[in-house]
């Protein structure tokens, strides 16, 4: 049986358009390695650009009540529900760093309802999971619950958009056989200079 990674090989950096190559090189300089998602999605330059433009719009904004850690937590939990190894490991690593907690990603990926997180984040994740699993059941009560925890309608939009976008990402990573870079497993657990 042929593994999916043989079917969808990663792009070669030297073969990529300059803008994509530059972005990948910059990420590699920042992190010390190139996350596999970049070289796998780069095989289709137009889709790569669209994917990362929307990623940036969702994840790099500095408005609203969602912190960077909140955003990564949403991704980790919904990726676990979608059984996406790559996204759970990669975004779990970033979550550990933002939360400064080496256990948080494992807790929320396995069962966020029993994780050591505030009620605010549990309400946020309840909404995200409803968006991920049964979006047709979202109603005014769900928005009211979010509001009771300090989230407004724009935050609900962001939670929905992040959940939906990473549903796409989870499926692409899983079907293409994307594997997490080994570096992700230690990020937020062991200081960078000791890895």
Protein backbone atom coordinates (compact mmCIF):
# COMPACT_ATOMS: atom_id res chain seq x y z
CA UNK A 1 0.00 0.00 0.00
CA UNK A 2 1.32 3.44 -0.94
CA UNK A 3 1.40 5.98 1.87
CA UNK A 4 -0.26 9.32 1.13
CA UNK A 5 3.01 11.22 1.55
CA UNK A 6 4.25 9.46 -1.59
CA UNK A 7 1.17 10.67 -3.45
CA UNK A 8 1.56 14.33 -2.44
CA UNK A 9 5.27 15.12 -2.12
CA UNK A 10 6.42 18.33 -0.50
CA UNK A 11 7.55 21.17 -2.75
CA UNK A 12 11.23 21.80 -3.29
CA UNK A 13 12.17 25.21 -1.93
CA UNK A 14 14.32 26.03 -4.97
CA UNK A 15 11.35 25.47 -7.32
CA UNK A 16 8.99 27.91 -5.58
CA UNK A 17 8.01 31.46 -6.55
CA UNK A 18 10.11 34.07 -4.77
CA UNK A 19 7.34 35.34 -2.45
CA UNK A 20 6.56 31.86 -1.17
CA UNK A 21 10.22 30.92 -0.83
CA UNK A 22 10.84 34.13 1.14
CA UNK A 23 7.96 33.44 3.52
CA UNK A 24 9.12 29.87 4.14
CA UNK A 25 12.71 31.01 4.73
CA UNK A 26 11.52 33.67 7.20
CA UNK A 27 9.49 31.09 9.13
CA UNK A 28 12.51 28.80 9.19
CA UNK A 29 14.67 31.59 10.61
CA UNK A 30 12.10 32.42 13.31
CA UNK A 31 11.46 28.85 14.43
CA UNK A 32 14.77 27.17 13.67
CA UNK A 33 13.06 24.72 11.29
CA UNK A 34 10.50 24.78 8.49
CA UNK A 35 7.12 23.39 9.59
CA UNK A 36 6.02 20.70 7.15
CA UNK A 37 2.72 22.45 6.42
CA UNK A 38 4.59 25.14 4.50
CA UNK A 39 6.40 22.86 2.10
CA UNK A 40 3.40 20.61 1.60
CA UNK A 41 0.94 23.39 0.79
CA UNK A 42 3.51 25.20 -1.37
CA UNK A 43 3.08 22.59 -4.10
CA UNK A 44 0.10 24.72 -5.18
CA UNK A 45 1.26 28.35 -4.97
CA UNK A 46 -2.11 30.05 -5.46
CA UNK A 47 -3.70 27.92 -2.73
CA UNK A 48 -0.69 28.48 -0.46
CA UNK A 49 -1.12 32.25 -0.79
CA UNK A 50 -4.87 32.09 -0.14
CA UNK A 51 -4.45 29.73 2.82
CA UNK A 52 -1.84 31.82 4.57
CA UNK A 53 -3.61 35.11 3.82
CA UNK A 54 -6.68 33.82 5.66
CA UNK A 55 -4.50 32.26 8.37
CA UNK A 56 -2.85 35.65 8.95
CA UNK A 57 -6.21 37.45 8.99
CA UNK A 58 -7.52 35.06 11.67
CA UNK A 59 -4.43 34.47 13.78
CA UNK A 60 -2.45 37.71 13.63
CA UNK A 61 -5.21 40.19 14.41
CA UNK A 62 -4.90 42.25 17.57
CA UNK A 63 -8.58 43.14 18.04
CA UNK A 64 -11.28 41.31 19.93
CA UNK A 65 -11.27 39.37 23.17
CA UNK A 66 -9.48 36.24 21.97
CA UNK A 67 -5.85 35.99 23.00
CA UNK A 68 -3.26 34.23 20.87
CA UNK A 69 -3.41 31.37 23.38
CA UNK A 70 -7.22 31.22 23.02
CA UNK A 71 -6.86 30.92 19.25
CA UNK A 72 -4.29 28.13 19.53
CA UNK A 73 -6.48 26.36 22.09
CA UNK A 74 -9.43 26.40 19.69
CA UNK A 75 -7.22 24.91 17.00
CA UNK A 76 -5.82 22.23 19.29
CA UNK A 77 -9.24 21.13 20.54
CA UNK A 78 -11.00 21.11 17.18
CA UNK A 79 -8.01 19.39 15.55
CA UNK A 80 -8.18 16.68 18.21
CA UNK A 81 -11.89 16.23 17.46
CA UNK A 82 -10.97 15.90 13.77
CA UNK A 83 -8.16 13.45 14.68
CA UNK A 84 -5.53 15.55 12.91
CA UNK A 85 -2.16 14.54 14.33
CA UNK A 86 -0.22 17.28 12.56
CA UNK A 87 -2.37 20.16 13.82
CA UNK A 88 -2.73 18.82 17.36
CA UNK A 89 1.03 18.46 17.72
CA UNK A 90 2.01 21.69 15.94
CA UNK A 91 -0.61 23.99 17.46
CA UNK A 92 -0.40 22.24 20.80
CA UNK A 93 3.28 23.24 20.84
CA UNK A 94 2.42 26.88 20.17
CA UNK A 95 -0.33 26.73 22.81
CA UNK A 96 2.17 25.49 25.41
CA UNK A 97 4.41 28.44 24.62
CA UNK A 98 1.64 31.07 24.75
CA UNK A 99 0.14 29.64 27.96
CA UNK A 100 3.58 29.00 29.50
CA UNK A 101 2.24 25.61 30.57
CA UNK A 102 3.90 22.39 29.43
CA UNK A 103 0.78 20.29 30.11
CA UNK A 104 -2.05 22.43 28.74
CA UNK A 105 -2.08 21.10 25.16
CA UNK A 106 -2.24 17.48 26.29
CA UNK A 107 -5.10 18.27 28.67
CA UNK A 108 -7.26 20.18 26.20
CA UNK A 109 -6.60 17.81 23.29
CA UNK A 110 -7.69 14.82 25.32
CA UNK A 111 -10.66 16.38 27.14
CA UNK A 112 -10.86 20.14 27.55
CA UNK A 113 -13.85 19.81 29.91
CA UNK A 114 -11.53 18.24 32.50
CA UNK A 115 -8.53 20.45 31.75
CA UNK A 116 -7.22 22.96 34.25
CA UNK A 117 -8.50 26.01 32.36
CA UNK A 118 -10.85 28.86 33.35
CA UNK A 119 -14.62 28.68 32.77
CA UNK A 120 -14.16 31.42 30.15
CA UNK A 121 -12.03 29.16 27.96
CA UNK A 122 -14.35 26.19 28.51
CA UNK A 123 -17.29 28.28 27.27
CA UNK A 124 -15.23 29.34 24.25
CA UNK A 125 -14.34 25.72 23.49
CA UNK A 126 -17.93 24.54 24.01
CA UNK A 127 -18.96 27.02 21.32
CA UNK A 128 -16.11 25.94 19.01
CA UNK A 129 -17.00 22.28 19.40
CA UNK A 130 -20.65 22.99 18.64
CA UNK A 131 -19.54 24.87 15.51
CA UNK A 132 -17.31 21.92 14.59
CA UNK A 133 -19.83 19.14 15.29
CA UNK A 134 -23.37 20.55 15.04
CA UNK A 135 -23.31 24.11 13.65
CA UNK A 136 -26.98 23.91 12.68
CA UNK A 137 -27.83 23.83 16.40
CA UNK A 138 -26.15 27.16 17.22
CA UNK A 139 -28.77 29.47 18.73
CA UNK A 140 -29.13 32.67 20.74
CA UNK A 141 -28.45 30.76 23.97
CA UNK A 142 -24.96 29.92 22.72
CA UNK A 143 -24.21 33.59 22.06
CA UNK A 144 -25.63 34.48 25.50
CA UNK A 145 -23.32 31.95 27.15
CA UNK A 146 -20.34 33.46 25.36
CA UNK A 147 -21.44 36.97 26.38
CA UNK A 148 -21.65 35.88 30.03
CA UNK A 149 -17.95 35.04 29.77
CA UNK A 150 -16.93 38.33 28.13
CA UNK A 151 -17.12 37.37 24.45
CA UNK A 152 -19.07 39.51 22.00
CA UNK A 153 -20.58 38.65 18.60
CA UNK A 154 -17.31 39.49 16.82
CA UNK A 155 -15.52 37.01 19.06
CA UNK A 156 -18.14 34.40 18.15
CA UNK A 157 -17.38 35.12 14.50
CA UNK A 158 -13.66 34.62 15.17
CA UNK A 159 -14.25 31.35 17.04
CA UNK A 160 -16.41 30.14 14.16
CA UNK A 161 -13.92 31.22 11.49
CA UNK A 162 -10.95 29.61 13.27
CA UNK A 163 -12.89 26.39 13.79
CA UNK A 164 -14.03 26.30 10.17
CA UNK A 165 -10.67 27.21 8.69
CA UNK A 166 -8.87 24.57 10.69
CA UNK A 167 -11.47 22.02 9.65
CA UNK A 168 -10.07 22.58 6.15
CA UNK A 169 -6.49 22.51 7.42
CA UNK A 170 -7.10 19.30 9.42
CA UNK A 171 -8.47 17.53 6.40
CA UNK A 172 -5.64 18.63 4.11
CA UNK A 173 -2.99 17.63 6.65
CA UNK A 174 -4.58 14.24 7.27
CA UNK A 175 -5.30 13.29 3.66
CA UNK A 176 -1.87 14.38 2.45
CA UNK A 177 -0.16 12.39 5.22
CA UNK A 178 1.52 15.44 6.72
CA UNK A 179 3.62 14.46 9.73
CA UNK A 180 4.57 16.79 12.57
CA UNK A 181 8.15 18.00 12.61
CA UNK A 182 10.03 16.36 15.50
CA UNK A 183 10.82 19.81 16.91
CA UNK A 184 7.15 20.42 17.73
CA UNK A 185 7.09 17.67 20.34
CA UNK A 186 9.57 19.48 22.60
CA UNK A 187 8.44 23.07 22.05
CA UNK A 188 7.02 24.55 25.23
CA UNK A 189 8.28 21.57 27.24
CA UNK A 190 12.04 21.98 27.06
CA UNK A 191 13.79 25.36 26.72
CA UNK A 192 14.90 26.03 23.16
CA UNK A 193 18.60 26.15 24.05
CA UNK A 194 18.40 22.63 25.59
CA UNK A 195 16.68 20.90 22.66
